[in-house]
Amino acid sequence: MKHKLVIDVGGTMIKYALMDEEAKIYQRGEVLTPLDTLQHFIDTIVSIYKKVKNEVDGLAFSMQGNIDSETGQIFAPGALQYNAGVNIIKKLQELIDVPIAVENDGKCAALAEVWKGHLKDVQNGVVLIIGTGIGGGIIHERKLIKGSHFFAG
């Protein structure tokens, strides 16, 4: 059985794990988040992927910024300014040959709380993330609210 490589990009650390469909963690690790260039960031993600590529059939990304999760386009990058205007899915898909999904980290946290956490029995809720930056996600009728410009939350 193949797993998903799940990556959370923070302003200080990139945390990653191999997980199954029920969120069971099989392996985890972390590396420093590159703060200098997009190429360094891409190289870091590809390096993580190469360590486990024979064990995964998909990659899920949680990262800061104003992101269109359908296309992978990053409009406002948060703390990692080199991501401004980058389509992260297209950029990574050139080097990684499994399906890739991306969503804003605050929105990912809200989805996780609805799925397995404190919001699992709640219809409407808010999740706040406080780290290098401040973010969050809004759940209305058990669905994530993204907003017309991906800024909801």
Protein backbone atom coordinates (compact mmCIF):
# COMPACT_ATOMS: atom_id res chain seq x y z
CA MET A 1 0.00 0.00 0.00
CA LYS A 2 1.36 3.38 -0.98
CA HIS A 3 1.08 6.42 1.28
CA LYS A 4 0.79 10.17 0.85
CA LEU A 5 3.73 12.46 1.46
CA VAL A 6 2.25 15.26 3.53
CA ILE A 7 4.30 18.46 3.79
CA ASP A 8 3.66 21.47 6.01
CA VAL A 9 5.75 24.47 4.98
CA GLY A 10 6.28 26.87 7.85
CA GLY A 11 8.33 30.02 8.09
CA THR A 12 11.00 28.20 10.13
CA MET A 13 10.63 24.47 9.47
CA ILE A 14 9.25 22.20 6.77
CA LYS A 15 7.64 19.25 8.52
CA TYR A 16 6.74 16.14 6.58
CA ALA A 17 5.21 12.73 7.11
CA LEU A 18 4.21 9.58 5.27
CA MET A 19 0.53 9.04 6.03
CA ASP A 20 -2.25 6.72 5.02
CA GLU A 21 -5.84 7.66 4.12
CA GLU A 22 -6.83 7.64 7.80
CA ALA A 23 -3.98 9.98 8.85
CA LYS A 24 -1.86 7.26 10.46
CA ILE A 25 1.75 8.43 10.42
CA TYR A 26 4.39 5.92 9.29
CA GLN A 27 7.41 8.20 9.12
CA ARG A 28 8.10 11.85 9.87
CA GLY A 29 10.84 14.43 9.69
CA GLU A 30 11.64 18.10 9.42
CA VAL A 31 14.16 20.39 7.78
CA LEU A 32 14.83 24.10 7.93
CA THR A 33 12.72 26.16 5.55
CA PRO A 34 14.95 27.83 2.94
CA LEU A 35 14.58 31.58 3.24
CA ASP A 36 16.76 32.64 0.34
CA THR A 37 15.49 31.49 -3.08
CA LEU A 38 12.67 29.63 -4.79
CA GLN A 39 15.19 27.20 -6.30
CA HIS A 40 16.52 26.31 -2.84
CA PHE A 41 12.93 25.72 -1.68
CA ILE A 42 12.12 23.52 -4.71
CA ASP A 43 15.37 21.56 -4.23
CA THR A 44 14.45 20.96 -0.58
CA ILE A 45 10.98 19.64 -1.43
CA VAL A 46 12.36 17.40 -4.19
CA SER A 47 15.00 16.08 -1.78
CA ILE A 48 12.31 15.12 0.74
CA TYR A 49 10.28 13.44 -2.02
CA LYS A 50 13.25 11.45 -3.36
CA LYS A 51 13.81 9.85 0.06
CA VAL A 52 10.35 8.23 -0.04
CA LYS A 53 9.28 8.31 -3.69
CA ASN A 54 8.88 4.52 -3.97
CA GLU A 55 6.47 4.58 -1.03
CA VAL A 56 4.12 7.39 -2.13
CA ASP A 57 1.40 7.90 -4.71
CA GLY A 58 0.56 11.52 -3.90
CA LEU A 59 1.83 14.68 -2.26
CA ALA A 60 -0.26 17.04 -0.12
CA PHE A 61 1.05 20.51 0.65
CA SER A 62 0.09 22.89 3.42
CA MET A 63 1.74 26.27 3.05
CA GLN A 64 1.34 29.89 3.94
CA GLY A 65 -0.10 32.46 1.61
CA ASN A 66 -3.02 33.34 -0.57
CA ILE A 67 -3.28 30.19 -2.72
CA ASP A 68 -5.71 29.01 -5.37
CA SER A 69 -5.80 25.34 -4.40
CA GLU A 70 -7.42 24.36 -7.71
CA THR A 71 -4.54 25.64 -9.83
CA GLY A 72 -1.63 25.92 -7.36
CA GLN A 73 -1.16 29.64 -8.04
CA ILE A 74 0.28 31.59 -5.10
CA PHE A 75 -0.87 35.23 -5.13
CA ALA A 76 0.38 36.52 -1.78
CA PRO A 77 3.16 34.30 -0.41
CA GLY A 78 3.21 35.12 3.30
CA ALA A 79 6.70 35.03 4.83
CA LEU A 80 8.31 33.25 1.85
CA GLN A 81 8.37 36.14 -0.58
CA TYR A 82 10.12 34.14 -3.30
CA ASN A 83 6.82 32.27 -3.82
CA ALA A 84 5.00 35.40 -5.06
CA GLY A 85 3.34 34.70 -8.40
CA VAL A 86 4.55 31.07 -8.48
CA ASN A 87 2.33 28.19 -9.53
CA ILE A 88 3.68 25.70 -7.02
CA ILE A 89 1.90 22.68 -8.49
CA LYS A 90 3.25 23.31 -12.00
CA LYS A 91 6.74 24.04 -10.66
CA LEU A 92 6.88 20.82 -8.63
CA GLN A 93 5.08 18.66 -11.19
CA GLU A 94 8.07 19.17 -13.51
CA LEU A 95 10.19 17.24 -10.97
CA ILE A 96 7.75 15.06 -9.04
CA ASP A 97 5.68 12.46 -10.86
CA VAL A 98 2.74 11.95 -8.48
CA PRO A 99 -0.44 14.04 -8.09
CA ILE A 100 0.12 17.16 -5.98
CA ALA A 101 -2.44 19.09 -3.94
CA VAL A 102 -1.86 22.39 -2.15
CA GLU A 103 -3.85 24.50 0.28
CA ASN A 104 -3.22 27.38 2.65
CA ASP A 105 -1.96 26.14 6.03
CA GLY A 106 -4.73 27.75 8.07
CA LYS A 107 -7.34 26.22 5.80
CA CYS A 108 -5.59 22.84 6.08
CA ALA A 109 -5.76 23.10 9.85
CA ALA A 110 -9.49 23.85 9.68
CA LEU A 111 -10.09 20.87 7.37
CA ALA A 112 -8.09 18.61 9.69
CA GLU A 113 -10.07 19.76 12.72
CA VAL A 114 -13.36 19.03 10.93
CA TRP A 115 -12.09 15.60 9.85
CA LYS A 116 -10.34 14.32 12.98
CA GLY A 117 -10.16 17.08 15.58
CA HIS A 118 -12.12 19.39 17.83
CA LEU A 119 -14.53 20.45 15.06
CA LYS A 120 -15.56 16.93 14.03
CA ASP A 121 -19.00 17.32 15.65
CA VAL A 122 -19.40 21.02 14.88
CA GLN A 123 -21.30 22.62 11.98
CA ASN A 124 -19.59 26.02 12.07
CA GLY A 125 -16.20 26.95 13.49
CA VAL A 126 -12.98 28.89 13.16
CA VAL A 127 -9.38 27.72 13.49
CA LEU A 128 -6.57 30.20 14.21
CA ILE A 129 -2.92 29.45 13.45
CA ILE A 130 -0.22 31.47 15.16
CA GLY A 131 3.35 30.82 14.04
CA THR A 132 5.72 32.86 11.89
CA GLY A 133 2.52 34.51 10.68
CA ILE A 134 -1.13 34.43 11.66
CA GLY A 135 -3.67 32.50 9.63
CA GLY A 136 -6.80 30.51 9.95
CA GLY A 137 -9.72 28.77 8.38
CA ILE A 138 -13.48 29.16 8.55
CA ILE A 139 -15.85 26.22 8.50
CA HIS A 140 -19.51 26.88 7.63
CA GLU A 141 -21.96 23.97 7.53
CA ARG A 142 -18.95 21.60 7.69
CA LYS A 143 -17.42 23.11 4.53
CA LEU A 144 -14.30 25.22 4.16
CA ILE A 145 -14.92 28.84 3.19
CA LYS A 146 -12.20 30.06 0.83
CA GLY A 147 -13.47 33.49 -0.16
CA SER A 148 -13.56 35.02 -3.63
CA HIS A 149 -9.87 36.00 -3.40
CA PHE A 150 -8.75 33.05 -1.23
CA PHE A 151 -8.46 35.32 1.83
CA ALA A 152 -11.32 33.94 3.97
CA GLY A 153 -9.89 32.87 7.29
